PDB file of all heavy atoms in Angstrom:
ATOM      1  N   GLY A   1       8.835  -0.758  11.750  1.00  0.00           N
ATOM      2  CA  GLY A   1       7.770  -0.100  12.500  1.00  0.00           C
ATOM      3  C   GLY A   1       6.854   0.711  11.655  1.00  0.00           C
ATOM      4  O   GLY A   1       5.987   1.350  12.262  1.00  0.00           O
ATOM      5  N   TRP A   2       6.876   0.551  10.339  1.00  0.00           N
ATOM      6  CA  TRP A   2       5.891   1.086   9.457  1.00  0.00           C
ATOM      7  C   TRP A   2       4.675   0.242   9.427  1.00  0.00           C
ATOM      8  O   TRP A   2       4.724  -0.872   9.704  1.00  0.00           O
ATOM      9  CB  TRP A   2       6.415   1.429   8.005  1.00  0.00           C
ATOM     10  CG  TRP A   2       7.498   2.326   7.831  1.00  0.00           C
ATOM     11  CD1 TRP A   2       8.827   2.075   8.249  1.00  0.00           C
ATOM     12  CD2 TRP A   2       7.413   3.607   7.219  1.00  0.00           C
ATOM     13  NE1 TRP A   2       9.545   3.175   7.962  1.00  0.00           N
ATOM     14  CE2 TRP A   2       8.822   4.130   7.248  1.00  0.00           C
ATOM     15  CE3 TRP A   2       6.551   4.368   6.582  1.00  0.00           C
ATOM     16  CZ2 TRP A   2       9.063   5.396   6.757  1.00  0.00           C
ATOM     17  CZ3 TRP A   2       6.792   5.556   6.096  1.00  0.00           C
ATOM     18  CH2 TRP A   2       8.104   6.116   6.175  1.00  0.00           C
ATOM     19  N   THR A   3       3.494   0.822   9.125  1.00  0.00           N
ATOM     20  CA  THR A   3       2.359   0.153   8.857  1.00  0.00           C
ATOM     21  C   THR A   3       2.102   0.113   7.300  1.00  0.00           C
ATOM     22  O   THR A   3       2.519   1.038   6.615  1.00  0.00           O
ATOM     23  CB  THR A   3       1.043   0.550   9.508  1.00  0.00           C
ATOM     24  OG1 THR A   3       0.853   1.918   9.235  1.00  0.00           O
ATOM     25  CG2 THR A   3       1.185   0.481  11.077  1.00  0.00           C
ATOM     26  N   VAL A   4       1.263  -0.807   6.806  1.00  0.00           N
ATOM     27  CA  VAL A   4       1.113  -1.027   5.341  1.00  0.00           C
ATOM     28  C   VAL A   4      -0.274  -0.822   4.982  1.00  0.00           C
ATOM     29  O   VAL A   4      -1.247  -1.293   5.500  1.00  0.00           O
ATOM     30  CB  VAL A   4       1.668  -2.417   4.953  1.00  0.00           C
ATOM     31  CG1 VAL A   4       1.528  -2.597   3.405  1.00  0.00           C
ATOM     32  CG2 VAL A   4       3.016  -2.732   5.475  1.00  0.00           C
ATOM     33  N   LEU A   5      -0.570  -0.009   3.926  1.00  0.00           N
ATOM     34  CA  LEU A   5      -1.864   0.126   3.372  1.00  0.00           C
ATOM     35  C   LEU A   5      -1.967  -0.971   2.232  1.00  0.00           C
ATOM     36  O   LEU A   5      -3.067  -1.539   2.126  1.00  0.00           O
ATOM     37  CB  LEU A   5      -1.973   1.437   2.620  1.00  0.00           C
ATOM     38  CG  LEU A   5      -2.278   2.696   3.589  1.00  0.00           C
ATOM     39  CD1 LEU A   5      -0.951   3.114   4.375  1.00  0.00           C
ATOM     40  CD2 LEU A   5      -2.759   3.907   2.748  1.00  0.00           C
ATOM     41  N   SER A   6      -0.974  -1.238   1.496  1.00  0.00           N
ATOM     42  CA  SER A   6      -0.894  -2.338   0.434  1.00  0.00           C
ATOM     43  C   SER A   6       0.344  -2.386  -0.103  1.00  0.00           C
ATOM     44  O   SER A   6       1.253  -1.423   0.011  1.00  0.00           O
ATOM     45  CB  SER A   6      -2.020  -1.970  -0.555  1.00  0.00           C
ATOM     46  OG  SER A   6      -1.813  -2.960  -1.745  1.00  0.00           O
ATOM     47  N   ASP A   7       0.787  -3.585  -0.623  1.00  0.00           N
ATOM     48  CA  ASP A   7       2.055  -3.655  -1.282  1.00  0.00           C
ATOM     49  C   ASP A   7       1.909  -3.814  -2.850  1.00  0.00           C
ATOM     50  O   ASP A   7       3.002  -3.976  -3.560  1.00  0.00           O
ATOM     51  CB  ASP A   7       2.820  -4.900  -0.726  1.00  0.00           C
ATOM     52  CG  ASP A   7       2.307  -6.210  -1.217  1.00  0.00           C
ATOM     53  OD1 ASP A   7       1.046  -6.320  -1.534  1.00  0.00           O
ATOM     54  OD2 ASP A   7       3.066  -7.171  -1.475  1.00  0.00           O
ATOM     55  N   ASP A   8       0.720  -3.708  -3.375  1.00  0.00           N
ATOM     56  CA  ASP A   8       0.616  -3.933  -4.841  1.00  0.00           C
ATOM     57  C   ASP A   8      -0.456  -3.105  -5.578  1.00  0.00           C
ATOM     58  O   ASP A   8      -0.276  -2.727  -6.729  1.00  0.00           O
ATOM     59  CB  ASP A   8       0.350  -5.369  -5.005  1.00  0.00           C
ATOM     60  CG  ASP A   8       0.422  -5.827  -6.501  1.00  0.00           C
ATOM     61  OD1 ASP A   8       1.562  -5.555  -7.047  1.00  0.00           O
ATOM     62  OD2 ASP A   8      -0.417  -6.382  -7.064  1.00  0.00           O
ATOM     63  N   LEU A   9      -1.506  -2.751  -4.866  1.00  0.00           N
ATOM     64  CA  LEU A   9      -2.637  -1.953  -5.431  1.00  0.00           C
ATOM     65  C   LEU A   9      -3.112  -0.931  -4.428  1.00  0.00           C
ATOM     66  O   LEU A   9      -3.357  -1.140  -3.310  1.00  0.00           O
ATOM     67  CB  LEU A   9      -3.845  -2.869  -5.728  1.00  0.00           C
ATOM     68  CG  LEU A   9      -3.701  -3.893  -6.952  1.00  0.00           C
ATOM     69  CD1 LEU A   9      -4.940  -4.759  -6.983  1.00  0.00           C
ATOM     70  CD2 LEU A   9      -3.490  -3.146  -8.247  1.00  0.00           C
ATOM     71  N   VAL A  10      -3.182   0.373  -4.896  1.00  0.00           N
ATOM     72  CA  VAL A  10      -3.678   1.473  -4.131  1.00  0.00           C
ATOM     73  C   VAL A  10      -4.655   2.321  -4.910  1.00  0.00           C
ATOM     74  O   VAL A  10      -4.622   2.346  -6.106  1.00  0.00           O
ATOM     75  CB  VAL A  10      -2.505   2.324  -3.623  1.00  0.00           C
ATOM     76  CG1 VAL A  10      -1.627   1.551  -2.663  1.00  0.00           C
ATOM     77  CG2 VAL A  10      -1.663   2.816  -4.723  1.00  0.00           C
ATOM     78  N   VAL A  11      -5.485   3.027  -4.176  1.00  0.00           N
ATOM     79  CA  VAL A  11      -6.351   4.017  -4.824  1.00  0.00           C
ATOM     80  C   VAL A  11      -6.028   5.369  -4.404  1.00  0.00           C
ATOM     81  O   VAL A  11      -5.717   5.610  -3.177  1.00  0.00           O
ATOM     82  CB  VAL A  11      -7.869   3.762  -4.358  1.00  0.00           C
ATOM     83  CG1 VAL A  11      -8.768   4.797  -4.989  1.00  0.00           C
ATOM     84  CG2 VAL A  11      -8.286   2.377  -4.774  1.00  0.00           C
ATOM     85  N   VAL A  12      -5.845   6.303  -5.321  1.00  0.00           N
ATOM     86  CA  VAL A  12      -5.452   7.661  -4.986  1.00  0.00           C
ATOM     87  C   VAL A  12      -6.573   8.566  -5.480  1.00  0.00           C
ATOM     88  O   VAL A  12      -7.339   8.263  -6.392  1.00  0.00           O
ATOM     89  CB  VAL A  12      -4.123   8.078  -5.676  1.00  0.00           C
ATOM     90  CG1 VAL A  12      -2.960   7.308  -5.033  1.00  0.00           C
ATOM     91  CG2 VAL A  12      -4.254   7.913  -7.132  1.00  0.00           C
ATOM     92  N   ARG A  13      -6.759   9.723  -4.684  1.00  0.00           N
ATOM     93  CA  ARG A  13      -7.686  10.699  -5.039  1.00  0.00           C
ATOM     94  C   ARG A  13      -7.200  12.008  -4.541  1.00  0.00           C
ATOM     95  O   ARG A  13      -6.352  12.148  -3.739  1.00  0.00           O
ATOM     96  CB  ARG A  13      -9.022  10.421  -4.658  1.00  0.00           C
ATOM     97  CG  ARG A  13      -9.302  10.385  -3.184  1.00  0.00           C
ATOM     98  CD  ARG A  13     -10.700  10.123  -2.801  1.00  0.00           C
ATOM     99  NE  ARG A  13     -11.021   9.950  -1.381  1.00  0.00           N
ATOM    100  CZ  ARG A  13     -11.340  11.027  -0.594  1.00  0.00           C
ATOM    101  NH1 ARG A  13     -11.478  12.142  -1.070  1.00  0.00           N
ATOM    102  NH2 ARG A  13     -11.585  10.850   0.624  1.00  0.00           N
ATOM    103  N   SER A  14      -7.885  13.139  -4.905  1.00  0.00           N
ATOM    104  CA  SER A  14      -7.614  14.436  -4.416  1.00  0.00           C
ATOM    105  C   SER A  14      -8.277  14.584  -3.045  1.00  0.00           C
ATOM    106  O   SER A  14      -9.368  14.296  -2.838  1.00  0.00           O
ATOM    107  CB  SER A  14      -8.042  15.552  -5.326  1.00  0.00           C
ATOM    108  OG  SER A  14      -7.296  15.465  -6.535  1.00  0.00           O
ATOM    109  N   GLY A  15      -7.432  15.151  -2.008  1.00  0.00           N
ATOM    110  CA  GLY A  15      -7.951  15.396  -0.784  1.00  0.00           C
ATOM    111  C   GLY A  15      -7.950  16.929  -0.471  1.00  0.00           C
ATOM    112  O   GLY A  15      -7.680  17.678  -1.435  1.00  0.00           O
ATOM    113  N   PRO A  16      -8.439  17.371   0.626  1.00  0.00           N
ATOM    114  CA  PRO A  16      -8.504  18.796   0.931  1.00  0.00           C
ATOM    115  C   PRO A  16      -7.223  19.491   0.728  1.00  0.00           C
ATOM    116  O   PRO A  16      -7.125  20.690   0.427  1.00  0.00           O
ATOM    117  CB  PRO A  16      -9.014  18.818   2.406  1.00  0.00           C
ATOM    118  CG  PRO A  16      -9.655  17.528   2.655  1.00  0.00           C
ATOM    119  CD  PRO A  16      -8.912  16.509   1.806  1.00  0.00           C
ATOM    120  N   ALA A  17      -6.070  18.811   1.088  1.00  0.00           N
ATOM    121  CA  ALA A  17      -4.797  19.504   1.105  1.00  0.00           C
ATOM    122  C   ALA A  17      -3.801  18.877   0.079  1.00  0.00           C
ATOM    123  O   ALA A  17      -2.610  19.157   0.095  1.00  0.00           O
ATOM    124  CB  ALA A  17      -4.159  19.493   2.488  1.00  0.00           C
ATOM    125  N   GLY A  18      -4.279  17.968  -0.760  1.00  0.00           N
ATOM    126  CA  GLY A  18      -3.408  17.351  -1.777  1.00  0.00           C
ATOM    127  C   GLY A  18      -3.732  15.839  -1.967  1.00  0.00           C
ATOM    128  O   GLY A  18      -4.845  15.401  -1.467  1.00  0.00           O
ATOM    129  N   PRO A  19      -2.933  15.102  -2.648  1.00  0.00           N
ATOM    130  CA  PRO A  19      -3.283  13.691  -2.867  1.00  0.00           C
ATOM    131  C   PRO A  19      -3.342  12.821  -1.626  1.00  0.00           C
ATOM    132  O   PRO A  19      -2.568  12.925  -0.778  1.00  0.00           O
ATOM    133  CB  PRO A  19      -2.130  13.243  -3.791  1.00  0.00           C
ATOM    134  CG  PRO A  19      -1.429  14.537  -4.347  1.00  0.00           C
ATOM    135  CD  PRO A  19      -1.711  15.540  -3.234  1.00  0.00           C
ATOM    136  N   ILE A  20      -4.362  11.979  -1.607  1.00  0.00           N
ATOM    137  CA  ILE A  20      -4.455  11.027  -0.598  1.00  0.00           C
ATOM    138  C   ILE A  20      -4.569   9.518  -1.168  1.00  0.00           C
ATOM    139  O   ILE A  20      -4.988   9.430  -2.271  1.00  0.00           O
ATOM    140  CB  ILE A  20      -5.612  11.319   0.396  1.00  0.00           C
ATOM    141  CG1 ILE A  20      -6.984  11.403  -0.384  1.00  0.00           C
ATOM    142  CG2 ILE A  20      -5.384  12.602   1.141  1.00  0.00           C
ATOM    143  CD1 ILE A  20      -8.241  11.532   0.504  1.00  0.00           C
ATOM    144  N   VAL A  21      -4.237   8.587  -0.257  1.00  0.00           N
ATOM    145  CA  VAL A  21      -4.146   7.216  -0.800  1.00  0.00           C
ATOM    146  C   VAL A  21      -4.771   6.272   0.157  1.00  0.00           C
ATOM    147  O   VAL A  21      -4.795   6.492   1.410  1.00  0.00           O
ATOM    148  CB  VAL A  21      -2.691   6.841  -1.012  1.00  0.00           C
ATOM    149  CG1 VAL A  21      -1.843   6.903   0.281  1.00  0.00           C
ATOM    150  CG2 VAL A  21      -2.516   5.490  -1.646  1.00  0.00           C
ATOM    151  N   SER A  22      -5.402   5.240  -0.357  1.00  0.00           N
ATOM    152  CA  SER A  22      -5.941   4.091   0.378  1.00  0.00           C
ATOM    153  C   SER A  22      -5.513   2.822  -0.308  1.00  0.00           C
ATOM    154  O   SER A  22      -5.356   2.808  -1.424  1.00  0.00           O
ATOM    155  CB  SER A  22      -7.466   4.184   0.418  1.00  0.00           C
ATOM    156  OG  SER A  22      -8.087   3.172   1.105  1.00  0.00           O
ATOM    157  N   GLY A  23      -5.410   1.691   0.523  1.00  0.00           N
ATOM    158  CA  GLY A  23      -4.894   0.448   0.061  1.00  0.00           C
ATOM    159  C   GLY A  23      -5.854  -0.614  -0.312  1.00  0.00           C
ATOM    160  O   GLY A  23      -7.088  -0.552   0.202  1.00  0.00           O
ATOM    161  N   ILE A  24      -5.525  -1.398  -1.275  1.00  0.00           N
ATOM    162  CA  ILE A  24      -6.271  -2.711  -1.513  1.00  0.00           C
ATOM    163  C   ILE A  24      -5.375  -3.750  -1.118  1.00  0.00           C
ATOM    164  O   ILE A  24      -4.674  -4.300  -1.939  1.00  0.00           O
ATOM    165  CB  ILE A  24      -6.704  -2.793  -2.935  1.00  0.00           C
ATOM    166  CG1 ILE A  24      -7.616  -1.633  -3.418  1.00  0.00           C
ATOM    167  CG2 ILE A  24      -7.550  -4.074  -3.243  1.00  0.00           C
ATOM    168  CD1 ILE A  24      -8.119  -1.642  -4.795  1.00  0.00           C
ATOM    169  N   PRO A  25      -5.336  -4.255   0.136  1.00  0.00           N
ATOM    170  CA  PRO A  25      -4.325  -5.193   0.589  1.00  0.00           C
ATOM    171  C   PRO A  25      -4.747  -6.602   0.050  1.00  0.00           C
ATOM    172  O   PRO A  25      -5.844  -7.017  -0.069  1.00  0.00           O
ATOM    173  CB  PRO A  25      -4.482  -5.095   2.093  1.00  0.00           C
ATOM    174  CG  PRO A  25      -5.893  -4.745   2.319  1.00  0.00           C
ATOM    175  CD  PRO A  25      -6.298  -3.756   1.147  1.00  0.00           C
ATOM    176  N   LYS A  26      -3.703  -7.329  -0.353  1.00  0.00           N
ATOM    177  CA  LYS A  26      -3.713  -8.787  -0.541  1.00  0.00           C
ATOM    178  C   LYS A  26      -2.785  -9.466   0.375  1.00  0.00           C
ATOM    179  O   LYS A  26      -2.102  -8.738   1.155  1.00  0.00           O
ATOM    180  CB  LYS A  26      -3.316  -9.061  -1.991  1.00  0.00           C
ATOM    181  CG  LYS A  26      -4.143  -8.328  -3.078  1.00  0.00           C
ATOM    182  CD  LYS A  26      -3.694  -8.772  -4.439  1.00  0.00           C
ATOM    183  CE  LYS A  26      -2.247  -8.281  -4.762  1.00  0.00           C
ATOM    184  NZ  LYS A  26      -1.865  -8.529  -6.161  1.00  0.00           N
ATOM    185  N   ALA A  27      -2.663 -10.778   0.369  1.00  0.00           N
ATOM    186  CA  ALA A  27      -1.630 -11.412   1.163  1.00  0.00           C
ATOM    187  C   ALA A  27      -0.218 -10.927   0.804  1.00  0.00           C
ATOM    188  O   ALA A  27       0.105 -10.888  -0.347  1.00  0.00           O
ATOM    189  CB  ALA A  27      -1.755 -12.901   1.011  1.00  0.00           C
ATOM    190  N   LEU A  28       0.494 -10.666   1.824  1.00  0.00           N
ATOM    191  CA  LEU A  28       1.799  -9.975   1.569  1.00  0.00           C
ATOM    192  C   LEU A  28       2.729 -11.104   1.110  1.00  0.00           C
ATOM    193  O   LEU A  28       2.966 -12.116   1.796  1.00  0.00           O
ATOM    194  CB  LEU A  28       2.373  -9.391   2.898  1.00  0.00           C
ATOM    195  CG  LEU A  28       3.657  -8.655   2.806  1.00  0.00           C
ATOM    196  CD1 LEU A  28       3.697  -7.559   1.824  1.00  0.00           C
ATOM    197  CD2 LEU A  28       4.069  -8.203   4.190  1.00  0.00           C
ATOM    198  N   ALA A  29       3.273 -10.965  -0.123  1.00  0.00           N
ATOM    199  CA  ALA A  29       4.102 -11.974  -0.721  1.00  0.00           C
ATOM    200  C   ALA A  29       5.419 -11.357  -1.005  1.00  0.00           C
ATOM    201  O   ALA A  29       5.445 -10.300  -1.631  1.00  0.00           O
ATOM    202  CB  ALA A  29       3.421 -12.562  -1.957  1.00  0.00           C
ATOM    203  N   VAL A  30       6.537 -12.106  -0.726  1.00  0.00           N
ATOM    204  CA  VAL A  30       7.898 -11.606  -1.029  1.00  0.00           C
ATOM    205  C   VAL A  30       8.700 -12.854  -1.539  1.00  0.00           C
ATOM    206  O   VAL A  30       8.375 -13.992  -1.440  1.00  0.00           O
ATOM    207  CB  VAL A  30       8.513 -11.074   0.290  1.00  0.00           C
ATOM    208  CG1 VAL A  30       7.809  -9.948   0.864  1.00  0.00           C
ATOM    209  CG2 VAL A  30       8.684 -12.181   1.305  1.00  0.00           C
ATOM    210  N   PRO A  31       9.740 -12.528  -2.324  1.00  0.00           N
ATOM    211  CA  PRO A  31      10.644 -13.590  -2.809  1.00  0.00           C
ATOM    212  C   PRO A  31      11.225 -14.439  -1.629  1.00  0.00           C
ATOM    213  O   PRO A  31      11.577 -13.952  -0.648  1.00  0.00           O
ATOM    214  CB  PRO A  31      11.755 -12.768  -3.531  1.00  0.00           C
ATOM    215  CG  PRO A  31      11.055 -11.537  -3.926  1.00  0.00           C
ATOM    216  CD  PRO A  31      10.194 -11.140  -2.806  1.00  0.00           C
ATOM    217  N   ALA A  32      11.221 -15.712  -1.932  1.00  0.00           N
ATOM    218  CA  ALA A  32      11.740 -16.581  -0.883  1.00  0.00           C
ATOM    219  C   ALA A  32      13.164 -16.366  -0.527  1.00  0.00           C
ATOM    220  O   ALA A  32      13.498 -16.471   0.719  1.00  0.00           O
ATOM    221  CB  ALA A  32      11.539 -18.125  -1.451  1.00  0.00           C
ATOM    222  N   ASP A  33      13.979 -15.955  -1.443  1.00  0.00           N
ATOM    223  CA  ASP A  33      15.401 -15.686  -1.084  1.00  0.00           C
ATOM    224  C   ASP A  33      15.615 -14.499  -0.048  1.00  0.00           C
ATOM    225  O   ASP A  33      16.628 -14.327   0.525  1.00  0.00           O
ATOM    226  CB  ASP A  33      16.244 -15.561  -2.327  1.00  0.00           C
ATOM    227  CG  ASP A  33      15.874 -14.468  -3.233  1.00  0.00           C
ATOM    228  OD1 ASP A  33      14.856 -13.760  -2.892  1.00  0.00           O
ATOM    229  OD2 ASP A  33      16.473 -14.285  -4.362  1.00  0.00           O
ATOM    230  N   VAL A  34      14.560 -13.641  -0.086  1.00  0.00           N
ATOM    231  CA  VAL A  34      14.667 -12.403   0.735  1.00  0.00           C
ATOM    232  C   VAL A  34      14.485 -12.828   2.259  1.00  0.00           C
ATOM    233  O   VAL A  34      15.092 -12.150   3.119  1.00  0.00           O
ATOM    234  CB  VAL A  34      13.626 -11.393   0.322  1.00  0.00           C
ATOM    235  CG1 VAL A  34      13.436 -10.252   1.424  1.00  0.00           C
ATOM    236  CG2 VAL A  34      13.921 -10.907  -1.019  1.00  0.00           C
ATOM    237  N   VAL A  35      13.655 -13.860   2.398  1.00  0.00           N
ATOM    238  CA  VAL A  35      13.440 -14.248   3.861  1.00  0.00           C
ATOM    239  C   VAL A  35      14.036 -15.575   4.197  1.00  0.00           C
ATOM    240  O   VAL A  35      13.775 -16.221   5.240  1.00  0.00           O
ATOM    241  CB  VAL A  35      11.940 -14.312   4.183  1.00  0.00           C
ATOM    242  CG1 VAL A  35      11.244 -12.832   4.234  1.00  0.00           C
ATOM    243  CG2 VAL A  35      11.208 -15.156   3.184  1.00  0.00           C
TER     244      VAL A  35
END
């Protein structure tokens, strides 16, 4: 039930209350034996 910003590349910066993050999504790729 989680949503994904990215599984491999993210951008972080300082926000008003602390670190914030945004994703650079690519096609979601996982090892074949996992699925």
